[in-house]
Amino acid sequence: MEKSTDAPDEEDSSDDRIDGFSAALIGLPYKARLELVMSDLAFRASFKDGMEIILIPELTHEDFAAMIGSSRFIVSRLIVEMISAGLVERSAKRYVLSEKWDFEPYIQLIKARCGLPDLAVL
């Protein structure tokens, strides 16, 4: 049976596909999802202040929950853990990633998302 030329191929329908970044999020535990999103924001929407990286958007726990597909409660718990570990702090409604933050596990995904052939760690 011939394929109808009126309907688009499933492979051609970009509405149904998700990018590699989103697909990676689905397969990760919530903590890794949050770390990946914060790392991505650090490369795309931040500025450096000494050894710290300040994320520019003023994001709430609800915002992060929507980004990683979890609840606000889970994000709140994860951020408290990150603050206790000295990885993150909150300053003037912005999140600050400390010098302890490890970008390495997420560099390849962020490179692909940003379309960059080479990405230097901040």
PDB file of N, CA and C in Angstrom:
ATOM      1  N   MET A   1       0.840  -1.177   0.000  1.00  0.00           N
ATOM      2  CA  MET A   1       0.000   0.000   0.000  1.00  0.00           C
ATOM      3  C   MET A   1       0.883   1.238   0.000  1.00  0.00           C
ATOM      4  N   GLU A   2       0.518   2.204  -0.838  1.00  0.00           N
ATOM      5  CA  GLU A   2       1.303   3.424  -0.928  1.00  0.00           C
ATOM      6  C   GLU A   2       0.965   4.389   0.187  1.00  0.00           C
ATOM      7  N   LYS A   3       1.965   5.110   0.593  1.00  0.00           N
ATOM      8  CA  LYS A   3       1.786   6.120   1.631  1.00  0.00           C
ATOM      9  C   LYS A   3       1.138   7.349   1.019  1.00  0.00           C
ATOM     10  N   SER A   4       0.175   7.907   1.702  1.00  0.00           N
ATOM     11  CA  SER A   4      -0.499   9.107   1.219  1.00  0.00           C
ATOM     12  C   SER A   4       0.469  10.274   1.240  1.00  0.00           C
ATOM     13  N   THR A   5       0.436  11.099   0.208  1.00  0.00           N
ATOM     14  CA  THR A   5       1.322  12.257   0.157  1.00  0.00           C
ATOM     15  C   THR A   5       0.705  13.457   0.860  1.00  0.00           C
ATOM     16  N   ASP A   6      -0.579  13.332   1.258  1.00  0.00           N
ATOM     17  CA  ASP A   6      -1.243  14.449   1.940  1.00  0.00           C
ATOM     18  C   ASP A   6      -0.808  14.591   3.393  1.00  0.00           C
ATOM     19  N   ALA A   7      -0.519  13.489   4.044  1.00  0.00           N
ATOM     20  CA  ALA A   7      -0.161  13.528   5.458  1.00  0.00           C
ATOM     21  C   ALA A   7       1.365  13.589   5.589  1.00  0.00           C
ATOM     22  N   PRO A   8       1.862  14.388   6.509  1.00  0.00           N
ATOM     23  CA  PRO A   8       3.316  14.455   6.695  1.00  0.00           C
ATOM     24  C   PRO A   8       3.848  13.163   7.301  1.00  0.00           C
ATOM     25  N   ASP A   9       5.075  12.837   6.966  1.00  0.00           N
ATOM     26  CA  ASP A   9       5.721  11.673   7.555  1.00  0.00           C
ATOM     27  C   ASP A   9       5.858  11.887   9.054  1.00  0.00           C
ATOM     28  N   GLU A  10       5.790  10.792   9.790  1.00  0.00           N
ATOM     29  CA  GLU A  10       5.967  10.899  11.242  1.00  0.00           C
ATOM     30  C   GLU A  10       7.339  11.473  11.568  1.00  0.00           C
ATOM     31  N   GLU A  11       8.336  11.094  10.774  1.00  0.00           N
ATOM     32  CA  GLU A  11       9.682  11.574  11.034  1.00  0.00           C
ATOM     33  C   GLU A  11       9.802  13.072  10.783  1.00  0.00           C
ATOM     34  N   ASP A  12       8.974  13.621   9.889  1.00  0.00           N
ATOM     35  CA  ASP A  12       9.061  15.029   9.543  1.00  0.00           C
ATOM     36  C   ASP A  12       8.301  15.928  10.506  1.00  0.00           C
ATOM     37  N   SER A  13       7.488  15.361  11.356  1.00  0.00           N
ATOM     38  CA  SER A  13       6.668  16.163  12.253  1.00  0.00           C
ATOM     39  C   SER A  13       7.480  16.586  13.467  1.00  0.00           C
ATOM     40  N   SER A  14       7.933  17.843  13.479  1.00  0.00           N
ATOM     41  CA  SER A  14       8.751  18.316  14.588  1.00  0.00           C
ATOM     42  C   SER A  14       7.917  18.571  15.838  1.00  0.00           C
ATOM     43  N   ASP A  15       6.592  18.660  15.703  1.00  0.00           N
ATOM     44  CA  ASP A  15       5.734  18.885  16.860  1.00  0.00           C
ATOM     45  C   ASP A  15       5.766  17.707  17.826  1.00  0.00           C
ATOM     46  N   ASP A  16       5.956  16.506  17.302  1.00  0.00           N
ATOM     47  CA  ASP A  16       5.906  15.310  18.128  1.00  0.00           C
ATOM     48  C   ASP A  16       7.271  14.909  18.673  1.00  0.00           C
ATOM     49  N   ARG A  17       8.305  15.526  18.173  1.00  0.00           N
ATOM     50  CA  ARG A  17       9.648  15.158  18.611  1.00  0.00           C
ATOM     51  C   ARG A  17      10.108  16.078  19.727  1.00  0.00           C
ATOM     52  N   ILE A  18      10.963  15.534  20.578  1.00  0.00           N
ATOM     53  CA  ILE A  18      11.580  16.365  21.600  1.00  0.00           C
ATOM     54  C   ILE A  18      13.079  16.367  21.343  1.00  0.00           C
ATOM     55  N   ASP A  19      13.722  17.450  21.717  1.00  0.00           N
ATOM     56  CA  ASP A  19      15.159  17.536  21.474  1.00  0.00           C
ATOM     57  C   ASP A  19      15.929  16.658  22.456  1.00  0.00           C
ATOM     58  N   GLY A  20      17.214  16.508  22.201  1.00  0.00           N
ATOM     59  CA  GLY A  20      18.054  15.665  23.038  1.00  0.00           C
ATOM     60  C   GLY A  20      18.131  16.147  24.476  1.00  0.00           C
ATOM     61  N   PHE A  21      18.077  17.455  24.658  1.00  0.00           N
ATOM     62  CA  PHE A  21      18.134  18.026  26.005  1.00  0.00           C
ATOM     63  C   PHE A  21      16.912  17.583  26.804  1.00  0.00           C
ATOM     64  N   SER A  22      15.740  17.721  26.216  1.00  0.00           N
ATOM     65  CA  SER A  22      14.505  17.318  26.892  1.00  0.00           C
ATOM     66  C   SER A  22      14.473  15.815  27.125  1.00  0.00           C
ATOM     67  N   ALA A  23      14.945  15.063  26.159  1.00  0.00           N
ATOM     68  CA  ALA A  23      14.985  13.610  26.312  1.00  0.00           C
ATOM     69  C   ALA A  23      15.925  13.221  27.449  1.00  0.00           C
ATOM     70  N   ALA A  24      17.026  13.943  27.582  1.00  0.00           N
ATOM     71  CA  ALA A  24      17.962  13.657  28.676  1.00  0.00           C
ATOM     72  C   ALA A  24      17.318  13.936  30.026  1.00  0.00           C
ATOM     73  N   LEU A  25      16.541  14.995  30.104  1.00  0.00           N
ATOM     74  CA  LEU A  25      15.864  15.324  31.358  1.00  0.00           C
ATOM     75  C   LEU A  25      14.963  14.185  31.816  1.00  0.00           C
ATOM     76  N   ILE A  26      14.240  13.612  30.877  1.00  0.00           N
ATOM     77  CA  ILE A  26      13.283  12.549  31.203  1.00  0.00           C
ATOM     78  C   ILE A  26      13.988  11.361  31.850  1.00  0.00           C
ATOM     79  N   GLY A  27      15.180  11.058  31.400  1.00  0.00           N
ATOM     80  CA  GLY A  27      15.885   9.882  31.897  1.00  0.00           C
ATOM     81  C   GLY A  27      16.699  10.094  33.158  1.00  0.00           C
ATOM     82  N   LEU A  28      16.704  11.304  33.690  1.00  0.00           N
ATOM     83  CA  LEU A  28      17.531  11.601  34.863  1.00  0.00           C
ATOM     84  C   LEU A  28      16.709  11.680  36.138  1.00  0.00           C
ATOM     85  N   PRO A  29      17.348  11.414  37.281  1.00  0.00           N
ATOM     86  CA  PRO A  29      16.671  11.661  38.559  1.00  0.00           C
ATOM     87  C   PRO A  29      16.458  13.166  38.728  1.00  0.00           C
ATOM     88  N   TYR A  30      15.547  13.547  39.595  1.00  0.00           N
ATOM     89  CA  TYR A  30      15.204  14.962  39.760  1.00  0.00           C
ATOM     90  C   TYR A  30      16.405  15.830  40.113  1.00  0.00           C
ATOM     91  N   LYS A  31      17.286  15.345  40.964  1.00  0.00           N
ATOM     92  CA  LYS A  31      18.451  16.151  41.342  1.00  0.00           C
ATOM     93  C   LYS A  31      19.310  16.445  40.123  1.00  0.00           C
ATOM     94  N   ALA A  32      19.571  15.452  39.310  1.00  0.00           N
ATOM     95  CA  ALA A  32      20.376  15.640  38.103  1.00  0.00           C
ATOM     96  C   ALA A  32      19.652  16.554  37.110  1.00  0.00           C
ATOM     97  N   ARG A  33      18.332  16.446  37.033  1.00  0.00           N
ATOM     98  CA  ARG A  33      17.562  17.341  36.158  1.00  0.00           C
ATOM     99  C   ARG A  33      17.752  18.791  36.576  1.00  0.00           C
ATOM    100  N   LEU A  34      17.643  19.034  37.878  1.00  0.00           N
ATOM    101  CA  LEU A  34      17.802  20.399  38.388  1.00  0.00           C
ATOM    102  C   LEU A  34      19.227  20.888  38.150  1.00  0.00           C
ATOM    103  N   GLU A  35      20.215  20.041  38.373  1.00  0.00           N
ATOM    104  CA  GLU A  35      21.603  20.421  38.119  1.00  0.00           C
ATOM    105  C   GLU A  35      21.819  20.741  36.641  1.00  0.00           C
ATOM    106  N   LEU A  36      21.230  19.949  35.760  1.00  0.00           N
ATOM    107  CA  LEU A  36      21.362  20.185  34.323  1.00  0.00           C
ATOM    108  C   LEU A  36      20.729  21.515  33.929  1.00  0.00           C
ATOM    109  N   VAL A  37      19.531  21.794  34.426  1.00  0.00           N
ATOM    110  CA  VAL A  37      18.854  23.050  34.094  1.00  0.00           C
ATOM    111  C   VAL A  37      19.645  24.240  34.632  1.00  0.00           C
ATOM    112  N   MET A  38      20.136  24.146  35.856  1.00  0.00           N
ATOM    113  CA  MET A  38      20.924  25.252  36.415  1.00  0.00           C
ATOM    114  C   MET A  38      22.233  25.432  35.646  1.00  0.00           C
ATOM    115  N   SER A  39      22.850  24.338  35.241  1.00  0.00           N
ATOM    116  CA  SER A  39      24.083  24.421  34.455  1.00  0.00           C
ATOM    117  C   SER A  39      23.809  25.066  33.102  1.00  0.00           C
ATOM    118  N   ASP A  40      22.715  24.678  32.481  1.00  0.00           N
ATOM    119  CA  ASP A  40      22.333  25.255  31.196  1.00  0.00           C
ATOM    120  C   ASP A  40      22.091  26.760  31.338  1.00  0.00           C
ATOM    121  N   LEU A  41      21.384  27.154  32.379  1.00  0.00           N
ATOM    122  CA  LEU A  41      21.151  28.580  32.619  1.00  0.00           C
ATOM    123  C   LEU A  41      22.455  29.325  32.874  1.00  0.00           C
ATOM    124  N   ALA A  42      23.395  28.667  33.531  1.00  0.00           N
ATOM    125  CA  ALA A  42      24.685  29.299  33.804  1.00  0.00           C
ATOM    126  C   ALA A  42      25.410  29.653  32.508  1.00  0.00           C
ATOM    127  N   PHE A  43      25.268  28.822  31.484  1.00  0.00           N
ATOM    128  CA  PHE A  43      25.912  29.092  30.206  1.00  0.00           C
ATOM    129  C   PHE A  43      25.127  30.071  29.349  1.00  0.00           C
ATOM    130  N   ARG A  44      23.814  30.077  29.487  1.00  0.00           N
ATOM    131  CA  ARG A  44      22.989  30.883  28.592  1.00  0.00           C
ATOM    132  C   ARG A  44      22.467  32.180  29.203  1.00  0.00           C
ATOM    133  N   ALA A  45      22.376  32.268  30.531  1.00  0.00           N
ATOM    134  CA  ALA A  45      21.763  33.452  31.153  1.00  0.00           C
ATOM    135  C   ALA A  45      22.364  33.709  32.529  1.00  0.00           C
ATOM    136  N   SER A  46      23.616  34.111  32.540  1.00  0.00           N
ATOM    137  CA  SER A  46      24.276  34.354  33.821  1.00  0.00           C
ATOM    138  C   SER A  46      25.398  35.365  33.642  1.00  0.00           C
ATOM    139  N   PHE A  47      25.960  35.753  34.756  1.00  0.00           N
ATOM    140  CA  PHE A  47      27.198  36.519  34.721  1.00  0.00           C
ATOM    141  C   PHE A  47      28.081  36.029  35.855  1.00  0.00           C
ATOM    142  N   LYS A  48      29.368  36.241  35.684  1.00  0.00           N
ATOM    143  CA  LYS A  48      30.332  35.753  36.657  1.00  0.00           C
ATOM    144  C   LYS A  48      30.722  36.883  37.594  1.00  0.00           C
ATOM    145  N   ASP A  49      30.745  36.564  38.871  1.00  0.00           N
ATOM    146  CA  ASP A  49      31.156  37.519  39.899  1.00  0.00           C
ATOM    147  C   ASP A  49      32.227  36.831  40.740  1.00  0.00           C
ATOM    148  N   GLY A  50      33.480  37.100  40.417  1.00  0.00           N
ATOM    149  CA  GLY A  50      34.568  36.390  41.082  1.00  0.00           C
ATOM    150  C   GLY A  50      34.546  34.933  40.681  1.00  0.00           C
ATOM    151  N   MET A  51      34.461  34.058  41.667  1.00  0.00           N
ATOM    152  CA  MET A  51      34.416  32.622  41.400  1.00  0.00           C
ATOM    153  C   MET A  51      32.985  32.089  41.334  1.00  0.00           C
ATOM    154  N   GLU A  52      32.012  32.951  41.554  1.00  0.00           N
ATOM    155  CA  GLU A  52      30.614  32.523  41.557  1.00  0.00           C
ATOM    156  C   GLU A  52      29.936  32.892  40.240  1.00  0.00           C
ATOM    157  N   ILE A  53      28.901  32.140  39.922  1.00  0.00           N
ATOM    158  CA  ILE A  53      28.115  32.391  38.715  1.00  0.00           C
ATOM    159  C   ILE A  53      26.700  32.728  39.155  1.00  0.00           C
ATOM    160  N   ILE A  54      26.247  33.896  38.771  1.00  0.00           N
ATOM    161  CA  ILE A  54      24.919  34.367  39.175  1.00  0.00           C
ATOM    162  C   ILE A  54      23.957  34.171  38.011  1.00  0.00           C
ATOM    163  N   LEU A  55      22.913  33.393  38.249  1.00  0.00           N
ATOM    164  CA  LEU A  55      21.900  33.172  37.219  1.00  0.00           C
ATOM    165  C   LEU A  55      21.048  34.429  37.103  1.00  0.00           C
ATOM    166  N   ILE A  56      20.872  34.923  35.899  1.00  0.00           N
ATOM    167  CA  ILE A  56      20.158  36.184  35.685  1.00  0.00           C
ATOM    168  C   ILE A  56      18.659  36.068  35.953  1.00  0.00           C
ATOM    169  N   PRO A  57      17.985  35.047  35.444  1.00  0.00           N
ATOM    170  CA  PRO A  57      16.537  35.011  35.708  1.00  0.00           C
ATOM    171  C   PRO A  57      16.222  34.859  37.199  1.00  0.00           C
ATOM    172  N   GLU A  58      15.200  35.552  37.642  1.00  0.00           N
ATOM    173  CA  GLU A  58      14.716  35.394  39.015  1.00  0.00           C
ATOM    174  C   GLU A  58      13.689  34.273  39.007  1.00  0.00           C
ATOM    175  N   LEU A  59      14.151  33.073  39.273  1.00  0.00           N
ATOM    176  CA  LEU A  59      13.304  31.888  39.168  1.00  0.00           C
ATOM    177  C   LEU A  59      12.849  31.410  40.535  1.00  0.00           C
ATOM    178  N   THR A  60      11.606  30.963  40.589  1.00  0.00           N
ATOM    179  CA  THR A  60      11.053  30.407  41.820  1.00  0.00           C
ATOM    180  C   THR A  60      11.199  28.886  41.802  1.00  0.00           C
ATOM    181  N   HIS A  61      10.929  28.282  42.930  1.00  0.00           N
ATOM    182  CA  HIS A  61      10.937  26.818  42.992  1.00  0.00           C
ATOM    183  C   HIS A  61       9.885  26.255  42.043  1.00  0.00           C
ATOM    184  N   GLU A  62       8.768  26.941  41.912  1.00  0.00           N
ATOM    185  CA  GLU A  62       7.727  26.501  40.974  1.00  0.00           C
ATOM    186  C   GLU A  62       8.226  26.555  39.530  1.00  0.00           C
ATOM    187  N   ASP A  63       9.008  27.584  39.194  1.00  0.00           N
ATOM    188  CA  ASP A  63       9.579  27.686  37.844  1.00  0.00           C
ATOM    189  C   ASP A  63      10.494  26.496  37.559  1.00  0.00           C
ATOM    190  N   PHE A  64      11.386  26.207  38.508  1.00  0.00           N
ATOM    191  CA  PHE A  64      12.288  25.068  38.331  1.00  0.00           C
ATOM    192  C   PHE A  64      11.508  23.757  38.255  1.00  0.00           C
ATOM    193  N   ALA A  65      10.463  23.621  39.073  1.00  0.00           N
ATOM    194  CA  ALA A  65       9.643  22.403  39.046  1.00  0.00           C
ATOM    195  C   ALA A  65       9.028  22.203  37.665  1.00  0.00           C
ATOM    196  N   ALA A  66       8.538  23.273  37.067  1.00  0.00           N
ATOM    197  CA  ALA A  66       7.962  23.177  35.722  1.00  0.00           C
ATOM    198  C   ALA A  66       9.031  22.789  34.699  1.00  0.00           C
ATOM    199  N   MET A  67      10.237  23.288  34.866  1.00  0.00           N
ATOM    200  CA  MET A  67      11.319  22.992  33.923  1.00  0.00           C
ATOM    201  C   MET A  67      11.773  21.542  33.988  1.00  0.00           C
ATOM    202  N   ILE A  68      11.726  20.949  35.176  1.00  0.00           N
ATOM    203  CA  ILE A  68      12.252  19.585  35.317  1.00  0.00           C
ATOM    204  C   ILE A  68      11.151  18.533  35.453  1.00  0.00           C
ATOM    205  N   GLY A  69       9.905  18.952  35.436  1.00  0.00           N
ATOM    206  CA  GLY A  69       8.805  17.990  35.503  1.00  0.00           C
ATOM    207  C   GLY A  69       8.616  17.386  36.880  1.00  0.00           C
ATOM    208  N   SER A  70       8.726  18.208  37.897  1.00  0.00           N
ATOM    209  CA  SER A  70       8.523  17.711  39.256  1.00  0.00           C
ATOM    210  C   SER A  70       7.615  18.661  40.024  1.00  0.00           C
ATOM    211  N   SER A  71       7.535  18.453  41.318  1.00  0.00           N
ATOM    212  CA  SER A  71       6.719  19.336  42.153  1.00  0.00           C
ATOM    213  C   SER A  71       7.593  20.410  42.794  1.00  0.00           C
ATOM    214  N   ARG A  72       6.972  21.468  43.258  1.00  0.00           N
ATOM    215  CA  ARG A  72       7.680  22.528  43.969  1.00  0.00           C
ATOM    216  C   ARG A  72       8.326  21.960  45.232  1.00  0.00           C
ATOM    217  N   PHE A  73       7.642  21.065  45.888  1.00  0.00           N
ATOM    218  CA  PHE A  73       8.159  20.447  47.112  1.00  0.00           C
ATOM    219  C   PHE A  73       9.493  19.751  46.853  1.00  0.00           C
ATOM    220  N   ILE A  74       9.576  18.979  45.792  1.00  0.00           N
ATOM    221  CA  ILE A  74      10.820  18.267  45.473  1.00  0.00           C
ATOM    222  C   ILE A  74      11.934  19.258  45.175  1.00  0.00           C
ATOM    223  N   VAL A  75      11.639  20.284  44.378  1.00  0.00           N
ATOM    224  CA  VAL A  75      12.654  21.294  44.056  1.00  0.00           C
ATOM    225  C   VAL A  75      13.121  21.998  45.327  1.00  0.00           C
ATOM    226  N   SER A  76      12.194  22.347  46.206  1.00  0.00           N
ATOM    227  CA  SER A  76      12.570  23.011  47.464  1.00  0.00           C
ATOM    228  C   SER A  76      13.522  22.139  48.271  1.00  0.00           C
ATOM    229  N   ARG A  77      13.214  20.863  48.357  1.00  0.00           N
ATOM    230  CA  ARG A  77      14.071  19.931  49.104  1.00  0.00           C
ATOM    231  C   ARG A  77      15.451  19.826  48.457  1.00  0.00           C
ATOM    232  N   LEU A  78      15.491  19.741  47.140  1.00  0.00           N
ATOM    233  CA  LEU A  78      16.771  19.634  46.429  1.00  0.00           C
ATOM    234  C   LEU A  78      17.612  20.897  46.587  1.00  0.00           C
ATOM    235  N   ILE A  79      16.976  22.046  46.514  1.00  0.00           N
ATOM    236  CA  ILE A  79      17.722  23.302  46.663  1.00  0.00           C
ATOM    237  C   ILE A  79      18.263  23.442  48.083  1.00  0.00           C
ATOM    238  N   VAL A  80      17.496  23.033  49.072  1.00  0.00           N
ATOM    239  CA  VAL A  80      17.995  23.051  50.455  1.00  0.00           C
ATOM    240  C   VAL A  80      19.234  22.155  50.569  1.00  0.00           C
ATOM    241  N   GLU A  81      19.198  20.988  49.940  1.00  0.00           N
ATOM    242  CA  GLU A  81      20.358  20.091  49.950  1.00  0.00           C
ATOM    243  C   GLU A  81      21.563  20.740  49.266  1.00  0.00           C
ATOM    244  N   MET A  82      21.323  21.416  48.137  1.00  0.00           N
ATOM    245  CA  MET A  82      22.406  22.080  47.409  1.00  0.00           C
ATOM    246  C   MET A  82      23.000  23.232  48.223  1.00  0.00           C
ATOM    247  N   ILE A  83      22.141  23.958  48.897  1.00  0.00           N
ATOM    248  CA  ILE A  83      22.613  25.058  49.753  1.00  0.00           C
ATOM    249  C   ILE A  83      23.445  24.490  50.905  1.00  0.00           C
ATOM    250  N   SER A  84      22.960  23.409  51.532  1.00  0.00           N
ATOM    251  CA  SER A  84      23.693  22.773  52.630  1.00  0.00           C
ATOM    252  C   SER A  84      25.056  22.260  52.177  1.00  0.00           C
ATOM    253  N   ALA A  85      25.140  21.800  50.941  1.00  0.00           N
ATOM    254  CA  ALA A  85      26.400  21.277  50.395  1.00  0.00           C
ATOM    255  C   ALA A  85      27.325  22.394  49.921  1.00  0.00           C
ATOM    256  N   GLY A  86      26.848  23.639  49.952  1.00  0.00           N
ATOM    257  CA  GLY A  86      27.672  24.763  49.518  1.00  0.00           C
ATOM    258  C   GLY A  86      27.761  24.921  48.011  1.00  0.00           C
ATOM    259  N   LEU A  87      26.838  24.302  47.273  1.00  0.00           N
ATOM    260  CA  LEU A  87      26.855  24.395  45.812  1.00  0.00           C
ATOM    261  C   LEU A  87      26.113  25.623  45.298  1.00  0.00           C
ATOM    262  N   VAL A  88      25.077  26.010  46.023  1.00  0.00           N
ATOM    263  CA  VAL A  88      24.184  27.086  45.589  1.00  0.00           C
ATOM    264  C   VAL A  88      23.887  27.993  46.774  1.00  0.00           C
ATOM    265  N   GLU A  89      23.676  29.252  46.487  1.00  0.00           N
ATOM    266  CA  GLU A  89      23.138  30.164  47.494  1.00  0.00           C
ATOM    267  C   GLU A  89      22.133  31.076  46.804  1.00  0.00           C
ATOM    268  N   ARG A  90      21.347  31.730  47.599  1.00  0.00           N
ATOM    269  CA  ARG A  90      20.311  32.630  47.080  1.00  0.00           C
ATOM    270  C   ARG A  90      20.735  34.045  47.451  1.00  0.00           C
ATOM    271  N   SER A  91      20.725  34.941  46.470  1.00  0.00           N
ATOM    272  CA  SER A  91      21.121  36.324  46.702  1.00  0.00           C
ATOM    273  C   SER A  91      20.246  37.237  45.861  1.00  0.00           C
ATOM    274  N   ALA A  92      19.517  38.125  46.524  1.00  0.00           N
ATOM    275  CA  ALA A  92      18.666  39.106  45.829  1.00  0.00           C
ATOM    276  C   ALA A  92      17.750  38.447  44.794  1.00  0.00           C
ATOM    277  N   LYS A  93      17.063  37.411  45.199  1.00  0.00           N
ATOM    278  CA  LYS A  93      16.097  36.678  44.367  1.00  0.00           C
ATOM    279  C   LYS A  93      16.733  35.915  43.206  1.00  0.00           C
ATOM    280  N   ARG A  94      18.043  35.793  43.217  1.00  0.00           N
ATOM    281  CA  ARG A  94      18.734  35.044  42.165  1.00  0.00           C
ATOM    282  C   ARG A  94      19.519  33.903  42.806  1.00  0.00           C
ATOM    283  N   TYR A  95      19.728  32.862  42.019  1.00  0.00           N
ATOM    284  CA  TYR A  95      20.546  31.746  42.485  1.00  0.00           C
ATOM    285  C   TYR A  95      21.979  31.976  42.054  1.00  0.00           C
ATOM    286  N   VAL A  96      22.885  31.651  42.951  1.00  0.00           N
ATOM    287  CA  VAL A  96      24.316  31.811  42.718  1.00  0.00           C
ATOM    288  C   VAL A  96      24.954  30.435  42.810  1.00  0.00           C
ATOM    289  N   LEU A  97      25.642  30.030  41.745  1.00  0.00           N
ATOM    290  CA  LEU A  97      26.343  28.751  41.742  1.00  0.00           C
ATOM    291  C   LEU A  97      27.760  28.993  42.261  1.00  0.00           C
ATOM    292  N   SER A  98      28.155  28.245  43.261  1.00  0.00           N
ATOM    293  CA  SER A  98      29.472  28.453  43.871  1.00  0.00           C
ATOM    294  C   SER A  98      30.564  27.828  43.009  1.00  0.00           C
ATOM    295  N   GLU A  99      31.782  28.067  43.418  1.00  0.00           N
ATOM    296  CA  GLU A  99      32.931  27.497  42.704  1.00  0.00           C
ATOM    297  C   GLU A  99      32.948  25.974  42.811  1.00  0.00           C
ATOM    298  N   LYS A 100      32.186  25.397  43.739  1.00  0.00           N
ATOM    299  CA  LYS A 100      32.099  23.942  43.892  1.00  0.00           C
ATOM    300  C   LYS A 100      31.205  23.293  42.827  1.00  0.00           C
ATOM    301  N   TRP A 101      30.423  24.090  42.112  1.00  0.00           N
ATOM    302  CA  TRP A 101      29.472  23.551  41.137  1.00  0.00           C
ATOM    303  C   TRP A 101      30.230  22.765  40.073  1.00  0.00           C
ATOM    304  N   ASP A 102      29.744  21.583  39.736  1.00  0.00           N
ATOM    305  CA  ASP A 102      30.400  20.716  38.750  1.00  0.00           C
ATOM    306  C   ASP A 102      29.597  20.684  37.454  1.00  0.00           C
ATOM    307  N   PHE A 103      30.125  21.321  36.421  1.00  0.00           N
ATOM    308  CA  PHE A 103      29.464  21.348  35.120  1.00  0.00           C
ATOM    309  C   PHE A 103      29.765  20.119  34.280  1.00  0.00           C
ATOM    310  N   GLU A 104      30.842  19.449  34.586  1.00  0.00           N
ATOM    311  CA  GLU A 104      31.356  18.388  33.731  1.00  0.00           C
ATOM    312  C   GLU A 104      30.325  17.348  33.283  1.00  0.00           C
ATOM    313  N   PRO A 105      29.460  16.846  34.171  1.00  0.00           N
ATOM    314  CA  PRO A 105      28.515  15.818  33.708  1.00  0.00           C
ATOM    315  C   PRO A 105      27.539  16.310  32.631  1.00  0.00           C
ATOM    316  N   TYR A 106      27.414  17.616  32.469  1.00  0.00           N
ATOM    317  CA  TYR A 106      26.373  18.160  31.598  1.00  0.00           C
ATOM    318  C   TYR A 106      26.905  18.908  30.377  1.00  0.00           C
ATOM    319  N   ILE A 107      28.220  18.992  30.232  1.00  0.00           N
ATOM    320  CA  ILE A 107      28.818  19.791  29.155  1.00  0.00           C
ATOM    321  C   ILE A 107      28.330  19.348  27.775  1.00  0.00           C
ATOM    322  N   GLN A 108      28.320  18.055  27.502  1.00  0.00           N
ATOM    323  CA  GLN A 108      27.941  17.581  26.166  1.00  0.00           C
ATOM    324  C   GLN A 108      26.493  17.936  25.825  1.00  0.00           C
ATOM    325  N   LEU A 109      25.594  17.787  26.777  1.00  0.00           N
ATOM    326  CA  LEU A 109      24.186  18.132  26.527  1.00  0.00           C
ATOM    327  C   LEU A 109      24.012  19.630  26.299  1.00  0.00           C
ATOM    328  N   ILE A 110      24.720  20.426  27.069  1.00  0.00           N
ATOM    329  CA  ILE A 110      24.605  21.877  26.928  1.00  0.00           C
ATOM    330  C   ILE A 110      25.207  22.320  25.600  1.00  0.00           C
ATOM    331  N   LYS A 111      26.330  21.719  25.205  1.00  0.00           N
ATOM    332  CA  LYS A 111      26.932  22.026  23.904  1.00  0.00           C
ATOM    333  C   LYS A 111      25.934  21.773  22.785  1.00  0.00           C
ATOM    334  N   ALA A 112      25.284  20.638  22.843  1.00  0.00           N
ATOM    335  CA  ALA A 112      24.317  20.284  21.803  1.00  0.00           C
ATOM    336  C   ALA A 112      23.140  21.256  21.806  1.00  0.00           C
ATOM    337  N   ARG A 113      22.668  21.617  22.981  1.00  0.00           N
ATOM    338  CA  ARG A 113      21.522  22.538  23.079  1.00  0.00           C
ATOM    339  C   ARG A 113      21.861  23.921  22.544  1.00  0.00           C
ATOM    340  N   CYS A 114      23.069  24.390  22.844  1.00  0.00           N
ATOM    341  CA  CYS A 114      23.486  25.726  22.413  1.00  0.00           C
ATOM    342  C   CYS A 114      24.035  25.730  20.988  1.00  0.00           C
ATOM    343  N   GLY A 115      24.250  24.564  20.425  1.00  0.00           N
ATOM    344  CA  GLY A 115      24.782  24.481  19.066  1.00  0.00           C
ATOM    345  C   GLY A 115      26.236  24.922  18.987  1.00  0.00           C
ATOM    346  N   LEU A 116      26.980  24.702  20.047  1.00  0.00           N
ATOM    347  CA  LEU A 116      28.372  25.134  20.084  1.00  0.00           C
ATOM    348  C   LEU A 116      29.294  23.942  19.888  1.00  0.00           C
ATOM    349  N   PRO A 117      30.313  24.085  19.015  1.00  0.00           N
ATOM    350  CA  PRO A 117      31.249  22.988  18.827  1.00  0.00           C
ATOM    351  C   PRO A 117      32.168  22.798  20.028  1.00  0.00           C
ATOM    352  N   ASP A 118      32.495  23.880  20.699  1.00  0.00           N
ATOM    353  CA  ASP A 118      33.375  23.792  21.861  1.00  0.00           C
ATOM    354  C   ASP A 118      32.807  24.699  22.941  1.00  0.00           C
ATOM    355  N   LEU A 119      32.796  24.226  24.157  1.00  0.00           N
ATOM    356  CA  LEU A 119      32.207  24.978  25.249  1.00  0.00           C
ATOM    357  C   LEU A 119      33.175  24.942  26.417  1.00  0.00           C
ATOM    358  N   ALA A 120      33.698  26.087  26.752  1.00  0.00           N
ATOM    359  CA  ALA A 120      34.609  26.166  27.894  1.00  0.00           C
ATOM    360  C   ALA A 120      33.795  26.266  29.171  1.00  0.00           C
ATOM    361  N   VAL A 121      34.246  25.597  30.200  1.00  0.00           N
ATOM    362  CA  VAL A 121      33.580  25.668  31.495  1.00  0.00           C
ATOM    363  C   VAL A 121      33.789  27.066  32.047  1.00  0.00           C
ATOM    364  N   LEU A 122      32.717  27.632  32.588  1.00  0.00           N
ATOM    365  CA  LEU A 122      32.787  29.000  33.119  1.00  0.00           C
ATOM    366  C   LEU A 122      33.816  29.140  34.204  1.00  0.00           C
TER     367      LEU A 122
END
